[in-house]
């Protein structure tokens, strides 16, 4: 595969929405590569919120564009401010973390596949066991997401553990 390795964050605050999709102990994620092609970490699929678009609509649109999947957002896990450095460049994102189910998996029916973004970049994507992130074998981005997932899992016995969408 001819995957794109050289990307840089834009020097602006970006507002993004990502779909938190879990299945059988795995989470659906896209690889974040270093310039040398090695994988720095993994991030759930999603993208920038367009003007006038709700975060849930962004996730549904992005999953359709990137992997031809049909998805349904079922709740909001939280919002994280993600200030990070990638290959020496600083990025700054406000990220809506949306609990999402796949109605039709599209490319995600395979254990690993390629995601093509609207700017033409291509990234590896896969179903990665959450246990790999807990054990420290892999890194989950954005920072703080694993903590939120753990908190949500510990509340699964509590009623209304997720915020319903209006």
N, C-alpha and C. Protein backbone atom coordinates (compact mmCIF):
# COMPACT_ATOMS: atom_id res chain seq x y z
N UNK A 1 0.84 -1.19 0.00
CA UNK A 1 0.00 0.00 0.00
C UNK A 1 0.87 1.25 0.00
N UNK A 2 0.45 2.25 -0.73
CA UNK A 2 1.16 3.54 -0.73
C UNK A 2 0.46 4.45 0.28
N UNK A 3 0.89 4.33 1.54
CA UNK A 3 0.27 5.12 2.60
C UNK A 3 1.02 6.43 2.77
N UNK A 4 0.29 7.47 3.16
CA UNK A 4 0.87 8.78 3.36
C UNK A 4 1.46 8.87 4.76
N UNK A 5 2.73 9.26 4.88
CA UNK A 5 3.38 9.32 6.18
C UNK A 5 3.67 10.74 6.64
N UNK A 6 3.78 11.69 5.73
CA UNK A 6 4.22 13.03 6.10
C UNK A 6 3.03 13.99 6.17
N UNK A 7 2.47 14.14 7.35
CA UNK A 7 1.40 15.12 7.56
C UNK A 7 1.79 15.97 8.76
N UNK A 8 1.24 17.16 8.80
CA UNK A 8 1.51 18.08 9.91
C UNK A 8 0.20 18.69 10.37
N UNK A 9 0.08 18.96 11.68
CA UNK A 9 -1.12 19.65 12.16
C UNK A 9 -1.15 21.07 11.62
N UNK A 10 -2.34 21.60 11.43
CA UNK A 10 -2.49 22.98 10.99
C UNK A 10 -2.30 23.92 12.18
N UNK A 11 -1.77 25.12 11.95
CA UNK A 11 -1.56 26.08 13.05
C UNK A 11 -2.84 26.83 13.42
N UNK A 12 -3.86 26.07 13.79
CA UNK A 12 -5.16 26.65 14.15
C UNK A 12 -5.87 25.67 15.07
N UNK A 13 -6.84 26.16 15.83
CA UNK A 13 -7.65 25.26 16.65
C UNK A 13 -8.68 24.60 15.74
N UNK A 14 -8.68 23.28 15.74
CA UNK A 14 -9.62 22.54 14.90
C UNK A 14 -10.68 21.92 15.80
N UNK A 15 -11.92 21.91 15.34
CA UNK A 15 -13.00 21.26 16.08
C UNK A 15 -13.33 19.97 15.34
N UNK A 16 -13.18 18.84 16.04
CA UNK A 16 -13.35 17.54 15.40
C UNK A 16 -14.34 16.68 16.17
N UNK A 17 -14.87 15.68 15.50
CA UNK A 17 -15.72 14.68 16.12
C UNK A 17 -15.22 13.31 15.67
N UNK A 18 -15.06 12.41 16.64
CA UNK A 18 -14.60 11.06 16.32
C UNK A 18 -15.59 10.05 16.85
N UNK A 19 -15.71 8.95 16.12
CA UNK A 19 -16.64 7.89 16.48
C UNK A 19 -15.95 6.83 17.32
N UNK A 20 -16.44 6.62 18.52
CA UNK A 20 -15.91 5.57 19.40
C UNK A 20 -16.71 4.31 19.10
N UNK A 21 -16.10 3.40 18.36
CA UNK A 21 -16.78 2.19 17.90
C UNK A 21 -16.05 0.99 18.49
N UNK A 22 -16.76 0.23 19.32
CA UNK A 22 -16.17 -0.93 19.99
C UNK A 22 -16.93 -2.19 19.61
N UNK A 23 -16.16 -3.30 19.55
CA UNK A 23 -16.76 -4.58 19.18
C UNK A 23 -15.88 -5.69 19.73
N UNK A 24 -16.45 -6.54 20.54
CA UNK A 24 -15.74 -7.72 21.06
C UNK A 24 -14.40 -7.36 21.70
N UNK A 25 -14.36 -6.29 22.47
CA UNK A 25 -13.13 -5.90 23.15
C UNK A 25 -12.14 -5.13 22.30
N UNK A 26 -12.50 -4.87 21.03
CA UNK A 26 -11.64 -4.10 20.13
C UNK A 26 -12.24 -2.72 19.91
N UNK A 27 -11.39 -1.78 19.47
CA UNK A 27 -11.85 -0.44 19.11
C UNK A 27 -11.38 -0.15 17.68
N UNK A 28 -12.22 0.50 16.90
CA UNK A 28 -11.90 0.83 15.51
C UNK A 28 -11.07 2.11 15.49
N UNK A 29 -9.84 2.00 14.96
CA UNK A 29 -8.90 3.12 15.00
C UNK A 29 -8.09 3.23 13.72
N UNK A 30 -7.54 4.41 13.50
CA UNK A 30 -6.70 4.74 12.36
C UNK A 30 -5.28 4.99 12.87
N UNK A 31 -4.29 4.50 12.14
CA UNK A 31 -2.89 4.67 12.54
C UNK A 31 -2.44 6.11 12.39
N UNK A 32 -1.65 6.57 13.35
CA UNK A 32 -0.99 7.88 13.28
C UNK A 32 0.49 7.57 13.03
N UNK A 33 0.95 7.76 11.77
CA UNK A 33 2.33 7.39 11.46
C UNK A 33 3.33 8.52 11.71
N UNK A 34 4.54 8.12 12.05
CA UNK A 34 5.67 9.05 12.07
C UNK A 34 6.17 9.19 10.62
N UNK A 35 7.07 10.13 10.40
CA UNK A 35 7.60 10.33 9.05
C UNK A 35 8.30 9.09 8.51
N UNK A 36 8.88 8.26 9.40
CA UNK A 36 9.59 7.06 8.93
C UNK A 36 8.64 5.89 8.66
N UNK A 37 7.33 6.13 8.86
CA UNK A 37 6.34 5.10 8.57
C UNK A 37 5.97 4.23 9.75
N UNK A 38 6.72 4.32 10.85
CA UNK A 38 6.34 3.54 12.03
C UNK A 38 5.10 4.16 12.66
N UNK A 39 4.35 3.36 13.39
CA UNK A 39 3.10 3.83 13.98
C UNK A 39 3.36 4.43 15.36
N UNK A 40 3.01 5.71 15.48
CA UNK A 40 3.16 6.45 16.75
C UNK A 40 2.04 6.08 17.71
N UNK A 41 0.85 5.86 17.15
CA UNK A 41 -0.32 5.54 17.95
C UNK A 41 -1.53 5.40 17.05
N UNK A 42 -2.70 5.34 17.69
CA UNK A 42 -3.96 5.09 16.98
C UNK A 42 -5.02 6.07 17.46
N UNK A 43 -5.92 6.47 16.55
CA UNK A 43 -7.01 7.39 16.89
C UNK A 43 -8.29 6.91 16.23
N UNK A 44 -9.43 7.00 16.96
CA UNK A 44 -10.69 6.63 16.32
C UNK A 44 -10.95 7.48 15.07
N UNK A 45 -11.74 6.94 14.16
CA UNK A 45 -12.05 7.62 12.92
C UNK A 45 -13.00 8.79 13.15
N UNK A 46 -12.88 9.78 12.29
CA UNK A 46 -13.72 10.97 12.36
C UNK A 46 -13.00 12.10 11.66
N UNK A 47 -13.42 13.33 11.94
CA UNK A 47 -12.77 14.45 11.27
C UNK A 47 -13.34 15.78 11.71
N UNK A 48 -13.02 16.79 10.93
CA UNK A 48 -13.38 18.17 11.27
C UNK A 48 -14.88 18.41 11.09
N UNK A 49 -15.44 19.12 12.06
CA UNK A 49 -16.85 19.49 12.00
C UNK A 49 -16.99 20.65 11.02
N UNK A 50 -17.91 20.51 10.08
CA UNK A 50 -18.16 21.58 9.11
C UNK A 50 -19.14 22.58 9.71
N UNK A 51 -19.10 23.82 9.22
CA UNK A 51 -19.99 24.88 9.71
C UNK A 51 -21.44 24.43 9.57
N UNK A 52 -22.20 24.57 10.66
CA UNK A 52 -23.61 24.21 10.64
C UNK A 52 -23.89 22.73 10.86
N UNK A 53 -22.85 21.95 11.09
CA UNK A 53 -22.99 20.51 11.24
C UNK A 53 -22.82 20.13 12.72
N UNK A 54 -23.70 19.28 13.23
CA UNK A 54 -23.55 18.78 14.60
C UNK A 54 -22.47 17.71 14.64
N UNK A 55 -21.86 17.52 15.80
CA UNK A 55 -20.78 16.54 15.96
C UNK A 55 -21.24 15.14 15.52
N UNK A 56 -22.46 14.77 15.87
CA UNK A 56 -22.96 13.44 15.49
C UNK A 56 -23.06 13.32 13.97
N UNK A 57 -23.48 14.39 13.30
CA UNK A 57 -23.56 14.36 11.83
C UNK A 57 -22.18 14.22 11.22
N UNK A 58 -21.17 14.86 11.85
CA UNK A 58 -19.80 14.77 11.35
C UNK A 58 -19.32 13.33 11.37
N UNK A 59 -19.56 12.63 12.48
CA UNK A 59 -19.10 11.24 12.60
C UNK A 59 -19.76 10.38 11.52
N UNK A 60 -21.07 10.51 11.35
CA UNK A 60 -21.77 9.72 10.34
C UNK A 60 -21.22 10.03 8.94
N UNK A 61 -21.03 11.31 8.64
CA UNK A 61 -20.50 11.70 7.32
C UNK A 61 -19.08 11.18 7.11
N UNK A 62 -18.22 11.39 8.10
CA UNK A 62 -16.82 10.98 7.96
C UNK A 62 -16.68 9.47 7.79
N UNK A 63 -17.44 8.69 8.57
CA UNK A 63 -17.36 7.24 8.43
C UNK A 63 -17.83 6.79 7.05
N UNK A 64 -18.83 7.48 6.52
CA UNK A 64 -19.28 7.14 5.17
C UNK A 64 -18.21 7.50 4.14
N UNK A 65 -17.62 8.69 4.27
CA UNK A 65 -16.61 9.13 3.31
C UNK A 65 -15.34 8.28 3.39
N UNK A 66 -14.90 7.98 4.60
CA UNK A 66 -13.60 7.32 4.78
C UNK A 66 -13.64 5.82 4.55
N UNK A 67 -14.72 5.14 4.98
CA UNK A 67 -14.74 3.68 4.87
C UNK A 67 -16.05 3.13 4.31
N UNK A 68 -16.91 4.02 3.79
CA UNK A 68 -18.18 3.62 3.19
C UNK A 68 -19.08 2.86 4.18
N UNK A 69 -18.97 3.22 5.46
CA UNK A 69 -19.79 2.58 6.49
C UNK A 69 -21.03 3.43 6.76
N UNK A 70 -22.11 2.75 7.16
CA UNK A 70 -23.29 3.44 7.67
C UNK A 70 -23.21 3.34 9.18
N UNK A 71 -23.38 4.48 9.86
CA UNK A 71 -23.20 4.51 11.31
C UNK A 71 -24.33 5.27 11.99
N UNK A 72 -24.47 4.98 13.28
CA UNK A 72 -25.46 5.67 14.11
C UNK A 72 -24.77 6.08 15.40
N UNK A 73 -24.85 7.38 15.73
CA UNK A 73 -24.30 7.86 16.99
C UNK A 73 -25.34 7.64 18.07
N UNK A 74 -24.90 7.04 19.19
CA UNK A 74 -25.82 6.67 20.27
C UNK A 74 -25.66 7.53 21.51
N UNK A 75 -24.60 8.31 21.59
CA UNK A 75 -24.38 9.15 22.76
C UNK A 75 -23.04 9.86 22.67
N UNK A 76 -22.79 10.72 23.64
CA UNK A 76 -21.53 11.45 23.67
C UNK A 76 -20.74 11.00 24.90
N UNK A 77 -19.54 10.48 24.65
CA UNK A 77 -18.68 10.02 25.74
C UNK A 77 -18.07 11.20 26.49
N UNK A 78 -17.76 12.26 25.76
CA UNK A 78 -17.16 13.44 26.38
C UNK A 78 -16.57 14.35 25.33
N UNK A 79 -15.87 15.38 25.80
CA UNK A 79 -15.16 16.33 24.94
C UNK A 79 -13.76 16.48 25.53
N UNK A 80 -12.75 16.39 24.68
CA UNK A 80 -11.37 16.57 25.12
C UNK A 80 -10.71 17.70 24.35
N UNK A 81 -9.89 18.47 25.05
CA UNK A 81 -9.03 19.44 24.39
C UNK A 81 -7.71 18.72 24.15
N UNK A 82 -7.32 18.61 22.90
CA UNK A 82 -6.15 17.84 22.51
C UNK A 82 -5.07 18.80 21.98
N UNK A 83 -4.09 19.11 22.83
CA UNK A 83 -2.95 19.94 22.42
C UNK A 83 -1.76 18.99 22.36
N UNK A 84 -1.17 18.86 21.19
CA UNK A 84 -0.17 17.82 20.98
C UNK A 84 0.94 18.32 20.06
N UNK A 85 2.01 17.55 19.99
CA UNK A 85 3.10 17.83 19.06
C UNK A 85 3.30 16.60 18.19
N UNK A 86 3.34 16.82 16.87
CA UNK A 86 3.60 15.73 15.93
C UNK A 86 4.75 16.17 15.02
N UNK A 87 5.84 15.40 15.07
CA UNK A 87 7.02 15.68 14.24
C UNK A 87 7.44 17.16 14.36
N UNK A 88 7.44 17.67 15.59
CA UNK A 88 7.92 19.02 15.87
C UNK A 88 6.90 20.13 15.68
N UNK A 89 5.72 19.81 15.18
CA UNK A 89 4.68 20.83 14.95
C UNK A 89 3.56 20.67 15.97
N UNK A 90 3.07 21.79 16.51
CA UNK A 90 2.00 21.72 17.50
C UNK A 90 0.64 21.70 16.83
N UNK A 91 -0.24 20.87 17.38
CA UNK A 91 -1.63 20.81 16.94
C UNK A 91 -2.53 21.12 18.12
N UNK A 92 -3.74 21.60 17.84
CA UNK A 92 -4.69 21.96 18.89
C UNK A 92 -6.08 21.63 18.37
N UNK A 93 -6.75 20.69 19.05
CA UNK A 93 -8.08 20.25 18.63
C UNK A 93 -9.02 20.22 19.82
N UNK A 94 -10.26 20.54 19.56
CA UNK A 94 -11.36 20.29 20.49
C UNK A 94 -12.07 19.09 19.89
N UNK A 95 -12.11 17.97 20.63
CA UNK A 95 -12.62 16.72 20.07
C UNK A 95 -13.87 16.23 20.80
N UNK A 96 -14.95 16.09 20.05
CA UNK A 96 -16.17 15.49 20.55
C UNK A 96 -16.05 13.98 20.36
N UNK A 97 -16.19 13.23 21.45
CA UNK A 97 -16.04 11.78 21.43
C UNK A 97 -17.43 11.15 21.42
N UNK A 98 -17.83 10.63 20.28
CA UNK A 98 -19.20 10.17 20.09
C UNK A 98 -19.28 8.64 20.10
N UNK A 99 -20.09 8.10 21.01
CA UNK A 99 -20.35 6.66 21.03
C UNK A 99 -21.10 6.33 19.75
N UNK A 100 -20.60 5.36 19.00
CA UNK A 100 -21.11 5.10 17.66
C UNK A 100 -21.25 3.60 17.42
N UNK A 101 -22.29 3.22 16.70
CA UNK A 101 -22.48 1.84 16.25
C UNK A 101 -22.44 1.83 14.73
N UNK A 102 -21.90 0.76 14.18
CA UNK A 102 -21.91 0.58 12.73
C UNK A 102 -23.18 -0.18 12.35
N UNK A 103 -23.93 0.36 11.39
CA UNK A 103 -25.11 -0.31 10.86
C UNK A 103 -24.69 -1.18 9.67
N UNK A 104 -23.67 -0.72 8.96
CA UNK A 104 -23.05 -1.45 7.85
C UNK A 104 -21.57 -1.09 7.93
N UNK A 105 -20.71 -2.08 8.14
CA UNK A 105 -19.31 -1.82 8.46
C UNK A 105 -18.49 -1.28 7.29
N UNK A 106 -18.96 -1.43 6.06
CA UNK A 106 -18.15 -0.98 4.93
C UNK A 106 -16.79 -1.66 4.98
N UNK A 107 -15.72 -0.89 4.80
CA UNK A 107 -14.36 -1.44 4.80
C UNK A 107 -14.00 -2.04 6.15
N UNK A 108 -14.66 -1.59 7.23
CA UNK A 108 -14.33 -2.06 8.58
C UNK A 108 -14.82 -3.48 8.84
N UNK A 109 -15.42 -4.13 7.84
CA UNK A 109 -15.76 -5.53 7.98
C UNK A 109 -14.50 -6.38 8.04
N UNK A 110 -13.38 -5.86 7.53
CA UNK A 110 -12.09 -6.55 7.58
C UNK A 110 -11.36 -6.18 8.87
N UNK A 111 -10.44 -7.04 9.35
CA UNK A 111 -9.72 -6.72 10.58
C UNK A 111 -8.78 -5.52 10.43
N UNK A 112 -8.28 -5.30 9.21
CA UNK A 112 -7.46 -4.11 8.94
C UNK A 112 -7.71 -3.69 7.49
N UNK A 113 -7.55 -2.39 7.22
CA UNK A 113 -7.91 -1.84 5.91
C UNK A 113 -7.26 -0.46 5.80
N UNK A 114 -7.54 0.25 4.72
CA UNK A 114 -6.98 1.58 4.49
C UNK A 114 -8.10 2.61 4.49
N UNK A 115 -7.85 3.74 5.18
CA UNK A 115 -8.77 4.86 5.22
C UNK A 115 -8.25 5.92 4.27
N UNK A 116 -9.11 6.44 3.39
CA UNK A 116 -8.74 7.53 2.51
C UNK A 116 -9.47 8.78 2.95
N UNK A 117 -8.70 9.81 3.33
CA UNK A 117 -9.31 11.05 3.80
C UNK A 117 -9.60 11.97 2.63
N UNK A 118 -10.42 13.02 2.89
CA UNK A 118 -10.85 13.89 1.79
C UNK A 118 -9.70 14.67 1.17
N UNK A 119 -8.57 14.80 1.87
CA UNK A 119 -7.42 15.49 1.26
C UNK A 119 -6.54 14.52 0.48
N UNK A 120 -6.99 13.26 0.37
CA UNK A 120 -6.27 12.28 -0.43
C UNK A 120 -5.28 11.44 0.36
N UNK A 121 -5.00 11.79 1.61
CA UNK A 121 -4.06 11.00 2.38
C UNK A 121 -4.69 9.65 2.71
N UNK A 122 -3.82 8.65 2.82
CA UNK A 122 -4.26 7.28 3.10
C UNK A 122 -3.56 6.80 4.35
N UNK A 123 -4.32 6.18 5.24
CA UNK A 123 -3.78 5.69 6.51
C UNK A 123 -4.26 4.27 6.77
N UNK A 124 -3.42 3.48 7.42
CA UNK A 124 -3.83 2.14 7.85
C UNK A 124 -4.86 2.29 8.96
N UNK A 125 -5.82 1.39 9.00
CA UNK A 125 -6.82 1.36 10.06
C UNK A 125 -7.05 -0.09 10.46
N UNK A 126 -7.53 -0.28 11.68
CA UNK A 126 -7.70 -1.65 12.17
C UNK A 126 -8.60 -1.68 13.39
N UNK A 127 -9.05 -2.87 13.72
CA UNK A 127 -9.70 -3.16 14.99
C UNK A 127 -8.58 -3.56 15.93
N UNK A 128 -8.28 -2.75 16.93
CA UNK A 128 -7.18 -3.02 17.85
C UNK A 128 -7.76 -3.36 19.23
N UNK A 129 -7.29 -4.43 19.86
CA UNK A 129 -7.80 -4.78 21.18
C UNK A 129 -7.54 -3.67 22.19
N UNK A 130 -8.58 -3.29 22.94
CA UNK A 130 -8.40 -2.28 24.00
C UNK A 130 -7.34 -2.74 24.99
N UNK A 131 -7.20 -4.06 25.17
CA UNK A 131 -6.19 -4.60 26.09
C UNK A 131 -4.78 -4.16 25.69
N UNK A 132 -4.53 -3.98 24.37
CA UNK A 132 -3.21 -3.54 23.91
C UNK A 132 -2.90 -2.12 24.40
N UNK A 133 -3.93 -1.27 24.48
CA UNK A 133 -3.75 0.09 24.98
C UNK A 133 -3.57 0.08 26.50
N UNK A 134 -4.38 -0.74 27.18
CA UNK A 134 -4.27 -0.84 28.65
C UNK A 134 -2.90 -1.35 29.06
N UNK A 135 -2.35 -2.29 28.28
CA UNK A 135 -1.06 -2.90 28.62
C UNK A 135 0.11 -2.01 28.22
N UNK A 136 -0.18 -0.94 27.47
CA UNK A 136 0.90 -0.05 27.03
C UNK A 136 1.62 -0.52 25.77
N UNK A 137 1.10 -1.56 25.10
CA UNK A 137 1.71 -2.05 23.86
C UNK A 137 1.43 -1.10 22.70
N UNK A 138 0.32 -0.39 22.78
CA UNK A 138 -0.08 0.59 21.76
C UNK A 138 -0.52 1.86 22.48
N UNK A 139 -0.52 3.00 21.75
CA UNK A 139 -0.93 4.28 22.31
C UNK A 139 -2.22 4.73 21.65
N UNK A 140 -3.20 5.12 22.48
CA UNK A 140 -4.49 5.59 21.97
C UNK A 140 -4.55 7.11 22.09
N UNK A 141 -4.86 7.77 20.98
CA UNK A 141 -5.02 9.22 20.96
C UNK A 141 -6.50 9.54 20.76
N UNK A 142 -7.00 10.69 21.21
CA UNK A 142 -6.26 11.72 21.95
C UNK A 142 -5.98 11.30 23.39
N UNK A 143 -4.97 11.96 23.98
CA UNK A 143 -4.67 11.73 25.39
C UNK A 143 -5.94 11.94 26.20
N UNK A 144 -6.20 11.05 27.12
CA UNK A 144 -7.40 11.16 27.96
C UNK A 144 -8.53 10.26 27.51
N UNK A 145 -8.49 9.78 26.26
CA UNK A 145 -9.58 8.94 25.76
C UNK A 145 -9.64 7.62 26.51
N UNK A 146 -8.50 6.98 26.75
CA UNK A 146 -8.50 5.70 27.45
C UNK A 146 -9.09 5.85 28.85
N UNK A 147 -8.78 6.95 29.53
CA UNK A 147 -9.32 7.21 30.87
C UNK A 147 -10.85 7.34 30.80
N UNK A 148 -11.35 8.06 29.80
CA UNK A 148 -12.81 8.21 29.64
C UNK A 148 -13.48 6.87 29.33
N UNK A 149 -12.83 6.05 28.50
CA UNK A 149 -13.38 4.74 28.19
C UNK A 149 -13.44 3.87 29.45
N UNK A 150 -12.40 3.93 30.26
CA UNK A 150 -12.38 3.16 31.52
C UNK A 150 -13.49 3.63 32.45
N UNK A 151 -13.68 4.95 32.56
CA UNK A 151 -14.73 5.49 33.43
C UNK A 151 -16.11 5.07 32.93
N UNK A 152 -16.31 5.09 31.62
CA UNK A 152 -17.60 4.70 31.05
C UNK A 152 -17.85 3.21 31.29
N UNK A 153 -16.80 2.40 31.18
CA UNK A 153 -16.95 0.96 31.40
C UNK A 153 -17.31 0.67 32.86
N UNK A 154 -16.72 1.44 33.77
CA UNK A 154 -17.00 1.21 35.19
C UNK A 154 -18.42 1.65 35.56
N UNK A 155 -19.04 2.48 34.70
CA UNK A 155 -20.41 2.95 34.95
C UNK A 155 -21.46 2.14 34.21
N UNK A 156 -21.05 1.09 33.51
CA UNK A 156 -22.02 0.39 32.65
C UNK A 156 -23.18 -0.19 33.43
N UNK A 157 -22.99 -0.45 34.71
CA UNK A 157 -24.09 -0.96 35.52
C UNK A 157 -25.04 0.15 35.96
N UNK A 158 -24.56 1.39 35.88
CA UNK A 158 -25.39 2.53 36.31
C UNK A 158 -26.35 2.91 35.19
N UNK A 159 -27.60 3.24 35.53
CA UNK A 159 -28.53 3.68 34.48
C UNK A 159 -28.10 5.02 33.90
N UNK A 160 -28.39 5.23 32.63
CA UNK A 160 -28.09 6.50 31.95
C UNK A 160 -26.63 6.89 32.07
N UNK A 161 -25.73 5.92 31.84
CA UNK A 161 -24.31 6.21 31.98
C UNK A 161 -23.79 7.08 30.83
N UNK A 162 -24.49 7.10 29.70
CA UNK A 162 -24.09 7.98 28.59
C UNK A 162 -25.09 9.11 28.47
N UNK A 163 -24.58 10.23 28.01
CA UNK A 163 -25.48 11.37 27.79
C UNK A 163 -26.27 11.13 26.51
N UNK A 164 -27.60 11.11 26.59
CA UNK A 164 -28.37 10.91 25.36
C UNK A 164 -28.28 12.16 24.46
N UNK A 165 -28.40 11.93 23.18
CA UNK A 165 -28.41 13.05 22.24
C UNK A 165 -29.78 13.70 22.25
N UNK A 166 -29.80 15.00 22.13
CA UNK A 166 -31.07 15.74 22.12
C UNK A 166 -31.79 15.50 20.80
